[in-house]
């Protein structure tokens, strides 16, 4: 996992925010950690189906 993480603002509707909070709580994760986990899972699935996504950063 990357040691350096970028910070940015994410705007969500109240409904989406509340649903993510419920799911994060069920998995004993913070909302931020849960969102990152879900995005990583999605990216891995896309790369499995479509091939590696080139980010332009050295690994």
PDB file of N, CA and C in Angstrom:
ATOM      1  N   UNK A   1       0.848  -1.170   0.000  1.00  0.00           N
ATOM      2  CA  UNK A   1       0.000   0.000   0.000  1.00  0.00           C
ATOM      3  C   UNK A   1       0.897   1.238   0.000  1.00  0.00           C
ATOM      4  N   UNK A   2       0.460   2.262  -0.676  1.00  0.00           N
ATOM      5  CA  UNK A   2       1.234   3.482  -0.795  1.00  0.00           C
ATOM      6  C   UNK A   2       1.396   4.168   0.560  1.00  0.00           C
ATOM      7  N   UNK A   3       2.621   4.632   0.829  1.00  0.00           N
ATOM      8  CA  UNK A   3       2.879   5.348   2.081  1.00  0.00           C
ATOM      9  C   UNK A   3       2.354   6.784   1.998  1.00  0.00           C
ATOM     10  N   UNK A   4       2.447   7.369   0.819  1.00  0.00           N
ATOM     11  CA  UNK A   4       1.968   8.736   0.616  1.00  0.00           C
ATOM     12  C   UNK A   4       0.543   8.689   0.097  1.00  0.00           C
ATOM     13  N   UNK A   5      -0.343   9.387   0.783  1.00  0.00           N
ATOM     14  CA  UNK A   5      -1.734   9.421   0.349  1.00  0.00           C
ATOM     15  C   UNK A   5      -2.153  10.859   0.126  1.00  0.00           C
ATOM     16  N   UNK A   6      -2.899  11.082  -0.927  1.00  0.00           N
ATOM     17  CA  UNK A   6      -3.409  12.413  -1.231  1.00  0.00           C
ATOM     18  C   UNK A   6      -4.720  12.640  -0.501  1.00  0.00           C
ATOM     19  N   UNK A   7      -4.936  13.868  -0.143  1.00  0.00           N
ATOM     20  CA  UNK A   7      -6.174  14.270   0.526  1.00  0.00           C
ATOM     21  C   UNK A   7      -7.002  15.075  -0.461  1.00  0.00           C
ATOM     22  N   UNK A   8      -8.307  14.772  -0.530  1.00  0.00           N
ATOM     23  CA  UNK A   8      -9.194  15.545  -1.394  1.00  0.00           C
ATOM     24  C   UNK A   8     -10.592  15.545  -0.801  1.00  0.00           C
ATOM     25  N   UNK A   9     -11.411  16.458  -1.277  1.00  0.00           N
ATOM     26  CA  UNK A   9     -12.786  16.571  -0.804  1.00  0.00           C
ATOM     27  C   UNK A   9     -13.688  15.721  -1.685  1.00  0.00           C
ATOM     28  N   UNK A  10     -14.586  14.995  -1.049  1.00  0.00           N
ATOM     29  CA  UNK A  10     -15.557  14.174  -1.764  1.00  0.00           C
ATOM     30  C   UNK A  10     -16.942  14.589  -1.297  1.00  0.00           C
ATOM     31  N   UNK A  11     -17.765  15.013  -2.212  1.00  0.00           N
ATOM     32  CA  UNK A  11     -19.119  15.442  -1.868  1.00  0.00           C
ATOM     33  C   UNK A  11     -20.083  14.294  -2.153  1.00  0.00           C
ATOM     34  N   UNK A  12     -20.888  13.942  -1.151  1.00  0.00           N
ATOM     35  CA  UNK A  12     -21.846  12.850  -1.270  1.00  0.00           C
ATOM     36  C   UNK A  12     -23.218  13.329  -0.799  1.00  0.00           C
ATOM     37  N   UNK A  13     -24.240  12.747  -1.369  1.00  0.00           N
ATOM     38  CA  UNK A  13     -25.586  13.039  -0.866  1.00  0.00           C
ATOM     39  C   UNK A  13     -25.697  12.449   0.541  1.00  0.00           C
ATOM     40  N   UNK A  14     -26.635  12.954   1.313  1.00  0.00           N
ATOM     41  CA  UNK A  14     -26.858  12.420   2.664  1.00  0.00           C
ATOM     42  C   UNK A  14     -27.150  10.923   2.623  1.00  0.00           C
ATOM     43  N   UNK A  15     -27.953  10.514   1.652  1.00  0.00           N
ATOM     44  CA  UNK A  15     -28.326   9.100   1.547  1.00  0.00           C
ATOM     45  C   UNK A  15     -27.107   8.210   1.302  1.00  0.00           C
ATOM     46  N   UNK A  16     -26.258   8.591   0.357  1.00  0.00           N
ATOM     47  CA  UNK A  16     -25.056   7.806   0.055  1.00  0.00           C
ATOM     48  C   UNK A  16     -24.117   7.813   1.256  1.00  0.00           C
ATOM     49  N   UNK A  17     -23.936   8.964   1.874  1.00  0.00           N
ATOM     50  CA  UNK A  17     -23.076   9.082   3.052  1.00  0.00           C
ATOM     51  C   UNK A  17     -23.543   8.143   4.160  1.00  0.00           C
ATOM     52  N   UNK A  18     -24.844   8.142   4.429  1.00  0.00           N
ATOM     53  CA  UNK A  18     -25.392   7.291   5.485  1.00  0.00           C
ATOM     54  C   UNK A  18     -25.230   5.807   5.161  1.00  0.00           C
ATOM     55  N   UNK A  19     -25.462   5.435   3.908  1.00  0.00           N
ATOM     56  CA  UNK A  19     -25.317   4.036   3.511  1.00  0.00           C
ATOM     57  C   UNK A  19     -23.872   3.565   3.634  1.00  0.00           C
ATOM     58  N   UNK A  20     -22.937   4.401   3.220  1.00  0.00           N
ATOM     59  CA  UNK A  20     -21.516   4.046   3.356  1.00  0.00           C
ATOM     60  C   UNK A  20     -21.155   3.908   4.823  1.00  0.00           C
ATOM     61  N   UNK A  21     -21.677   4.787   5.655  1.00  0.00           N
ATOM     62  CA  UNK A  21     -21.424   4.704   7.093  1.00  0.00           C
ATOM     63  C   UNK A  21     -21.913   3.389   7.682  1.00  0.00           C
ATOM     64  N   UNK A  22     -23.082   2.946   7.261  1.00  0.00           N
ATOM     65  CA  UNK A  22     -23.635   1.682   7.745  1.00  0.00           C
ATOM     66  C   UNK A  22     -22.751   0.510   7.309  1.00  0.00           C
ATOM     67  N   UNK A  23     -22.371   0.499   6.032  1.00  0.00           N
ATOM     68  CA  UNK A  23     -21.531  -0.591   5.531  1.00  0.00           C
ATOM     69  C   UNK A  23     -20.151  -0.595   6.185  1.00  0.00           C
ATOM     70  N   UNK A  24     -19.576   0.578   6.385  1.00  0.00           N
ATOM     71  CA  UNK A  24     -18.269   0.674   7.036  1.00  0.00           C
ATOM     72  C   UNK A  24     -18.338   0.146   8.466  1.00  0.00           C
ATOM     73  N   UNK A  25     -19.386   0.505   9.171  1.00  0.00           N
ATOM     74  CA  UNK A  25     -19.566   0.043  10.545  1.00  0.00           C
ATOM     75  C   UNK A  25     -19.679  -1.481  10.600  1.00  0.00           C
ATOM     76  N   UNK A  26     -20.422  -2.064   9.673  1.00  0.00           N
ATOM     77  CA  UNK A  26     -20.572  -3.523   9.623  1.00  0.00           C
ATOM     78  C   UNK A  26     -19.237  -4.228   9.423  1.00  0.00           C
ATOM     79  N   UNK A  27     -18.319  -3.566   8.719  1.00  0.00           N
ATOM     80  CA  UNK A  27     -17.004  -4.157   8.442  1.00  0.00           C
ATOM     81  C   UNK A  27     -15.940  -3.667   9.419  1.00  0.00           C
ATOM     82  N   UNK A  28     -16.360  -2.934  10.446  1.00  0.00           N
ATOM     83  CA  UNK A  28     -15.436  -2.400  11.463  1.00  0.00           C
ATOM     84  C   UNK A  28     -14.324  -1.566  10.825  1.00  0.00           C
ATOM     85  N   UNK A  29     -14.723  -0.701   9.889  1.00  0.00           N
ATOM     86  CA  UNK A  29     -13.788   0.192   9.197  1.00  0.00           C
ATOM     87  C   UNK A  29     -14.268   1.626   9.361  1.00  0.00           C
ATOM     88  N   UNK A  30     -13.318   2.553   9.231  1.00  0.00           N
ATOM     89  CA  UNK A  30     -13.719   3.956   9.139  1.00  0.00           C
ATOM     90  C   UNK A  30     -14.350   4.158   7.761  1.00  0.00           C
ATOM     91  N   UNK A  31     -15.093   5.224   7.616  1.00  0.00           N
ATOM     92  CA  UNK A  31     -15.686   5.494   6.303  1.00  0.00           C
ATOM     93  C   UNK A  31     -14.602   5.699   5.248  1.00  0.00           C
ATOM     94  N   UNK A  32     -13.563   6.419   5.604  1.00  0.00           N
ATOM     95  CA  UNK A  32     -12.477   6.667   4.661  1.00  0.00           C
ATOM     96  C   UNK A  32     -11.824   5.356   4.235  1.00  0.00           C
ATOM     97  N   UNK A  33     -11.548   4.497   5.199  1.00  0.00           N
ATOM     98  CA  UNK A  33     -10.933   3.214   4.893  1.00  0.00           C
ATOM     99  C   UNK A  33     -11.866   2.352   4.055  1.00  0.00           C
ATOM    100  N   UNK A  34     -13.151   2.380   4.359  1.00  0.00           N
ATOM    101  CA  UNK A  34     -14.110   1.591   3.598  1.00  0.00           C
ATOM    102  C   UNK A  34     -14.194   2.070   2.148  1.00  0.00           C
ATOM    103  N   UNK A  35     -14.257   3.373   1.946  1.00  0.00           N
ATOM    104  CA  UNK A  35     -14.306   3.924   0.588  1.00  0.00           C
ATOM    105  C   UNK A  35     -13.057   3.532  -0.180  1.00  0.00           C
ATOM    106  N   UNK A  36     -11.883   3.636   0.448  1.00  0.00           N
ATOM    107  CA  UNK A  36     -10.641   3.242  -0.216  1.00  0.00           C
ATOM    108  C   UNK A  36     -10.665   1.757  -0.562  1.00  0.00           C
ATOM    109  N   UNK A  37     -11.108   0.918   0.365  1.00  0.00           N
ATOM    110  CA  UNK A  37     -11.186  -0.524   0.146  1.00  0.00           C
ATOM    111  C   UNK A  37     -12.093  -0.851  -1.048  1.00  0.00           C
ATOM    112  N   UNK A  38     -13.276  -0.234  -1.091  1.00  0.00           N
ATOM    113  CA  UNK A  38     -14.220  -0.493  -2.176  1.00  0.00           C
ATOM    114  C   UNK A  38     -13.632  -0.045  -3.517  1.00  0.00           C
ATOM    115  N   UNK A  39     -12.991   1.096  -3.537  1.00  0.00           N
ATOM    116  CA  UNK A  39     -12.393   1.587  -4.782  1.00  0.00           C
ATOM    117  C   UNK A  39     -11.263   0.675  -5.254  1.00  0.00           C
ATOM    118  N   UNK A  40     -10.430   0.210  -4.328  1.00  0.00           N
ATOM    119  CA  UNK A  40      -9.343  -0.707  -4.689  1.00  0.00           C
ATOM    120  C   UNK A  40      -9.915  -2.002  -5.261  1.00  0.00           C
ATOM    121  N   UNK A  41     -10.950  -2.547  -4.614  1.00  0.00           N
ATOM    122  CA  UNK A  41     -11.586  -3.767  -5.121  1.00  0.00           C
ATOM    123  C   UNK A  41     -12.119  -3.543  -6.542  1.00  0.00           C
ATOM    124  N   UNK A  42     -12.751  -2.404  -6.765  1.00  0.00           N
ATOM    125  CA  UNK A  42     -13.304  -2.086  -8.083  1.00  0.00           C
ATOM    126  C   UNK A  42     -12.192  -1.964  -9.128  1.00  0.00           C
ATOM    127  N   UNK A  43     -11.114  -1.270  -8.781  1.00  0.00           N
ATOM    128  CA  UNK A  43      -9.997  -1.123  -9.711  1.00  0.00           C
ATOM    129  C   UNK A  43      -9.370  -2.470 -10.044  1.00  0.00           C
ATOM    130  N   UNK A  44      -9.203  -3.320  -9.050  1.00  0.00           N
ATOM    131  CA  UNK A  44      -8.644  -4.657  -9.293  1.00  0.00           C
ATOM    132  C   UNK A  44      -9.539  -5.460 -10.234  1.00  0.00           C
ATOM    133  N   UNK A  45     -10.844  -5.364 -10.053  1.00  0.00           N
ATOM    134  CA  UNK A  45     -11.777  -6.076 -10.932  1.00  0.00           C
ATOM    135  C   UNK A  45     -11.693  -5.544 -12.355  1.00  0.00           C
ATOM    136  N   UNK A  46     -11.646  -4.227 -12.508  1.00  0.00           N
ATOM    137  CA  UNK A  46     -11.523  -3.636 -13.844  1.00  0.00           C
ATOM    138  C   UNK A  46     -10.231  -4.074 -14.528  1.00  0.00           C
ATOM    139  N   UNK A  47      -9.126  -4.067 -13.774  1.00  0.00           N
ATOM    140  CA  UNK A  47      -7.849  -4.473 -14.363  1.00  0.00           C
ATOM    141  C   UNK A  47      -7.855  -5.958 -14.737  1.00  0.00           C
ATOM    142  N   UNK A  48      -8.546  -6.754 -13.968  1.00  0.00           N
ATOM    143  CA  UNK A  48      -8.670  -8.174 -14.283  1.00  0.00           C
ATOM    144  C   UNK A  48      -9.410  -8.357 -15.606  1.00  0.00           C
ATOM    145  N   UNK A  49     -10.435  -7.549 -15.828  1.00  0.00           N
ATOM    146  CA  UNK A  49     -11.256  -7.643 -17.034  1.00  0.00           C
ATOM    147  C   UNK A  49     -10.645  -6.930 -18.236  1.00  0.00           C
ATOM    148  N   UNK A  50     -10.009  -5.760 -17.997  1.00  0.00           N
ATOM    149  CA  UNK A  50      -9.602  -4.895 -19.103  1.00  0.00           C
ATOM    150  C   UNK A  50      -8.099  -4.700 -19.233  1.00  0.00           C
ATOM    151  N   UNK A  51      -7.326  -5.178 -18.287  1.00  0.00           N
ATOM    152  CA  UNK A  51      -5.877  -4.969 -18.309  1.00  0.00           C
ATOM    153  C   UNK A  51      -5.463  -3.825 -17.396  1.00  0.00           C
ATOM    154  N   UNK A  52      -4.163  -3.760 -17.152  1.00  0.00           N
ATOM    155  CA  UNK A  52      -3.620  -2.802 -16.203  1.00  0.00           C
ATOM    156  C   UNK A  52      -3.920  -1.364 -16.598  1.00  0.00           C
ATOM    157  N   UNK A  53      -4.271  -0.565 -15.622  1.00  0.00           N
ATOM    158  CA  UNK A  53      -4.501   0.866 -15.817  1.00  0.00           C
ATOM    159  C   UNK A  53      -3.181   1.570 -15.537  1.00  0.00           C
ATOM    160  N   UNK A  54      -2.680   2.308 -16.493  1.00  0.00           N
ATOM    161  CA  UNK A  54      -1.406   2.991 -16.350  1.00  0.00           C
ATOM    162  C   UNK A  54      -1.600   4.322 -15.638  1.00  0.00           C
ATOM    163  N   UNK A  55      -0.987   4.468 -14.460  1.00  0.00           N
ATOM    164  CA  UNK A  55      -1.174   5.688 -13.679  1.00  0.00           C
ATOM    165  C   UNK A  55      -0.096   6.744 -13.946  1.00  0.00           C
ATOM    166  N   UNK A  56       0.987   6.342 -14.565  1.00  0.00           N
ATOM    167  CA  UNK A  56       2.072   7.299 -14.804  1.00  0.00           C
ATOM    168  C   UNK A  56       3.033   7.419 -13.650  1.00  0.00           C
ATOM    169  N   UNK A  57       2.791   6.693 -12.546  1.00  0.00           N
ATOM    170  CA  UNK A  57       3.681   6.719 -11.400  1.00  0.00           C
ATOM    171  C   UNK A  57       4.489   5.437 -11.369  1.00  0.00           C
ATOM    172  N   UNK A  58       5.721   5.555 -10.862  1.00  0.00           N
ATOM    173  CA  UNK A  58       6.576   4.370 -10.715  1.00  0.00           C
ATOM    174  C   UNK A  58       6.041   3.502  -9.601  1.00  0.00           C
ATOM    175  N   UNK A  59       6.121   2.206  -9.771  1.00  0.00           N
ATOM    176  CA  UNK A  59       5.671   1.268  -8.732  1.00  0.00           C
ATOM    177  C   UNK A  59       6.800   0.887  -7.830  1.00  0.00           C
TER     178      UNK A  59
END
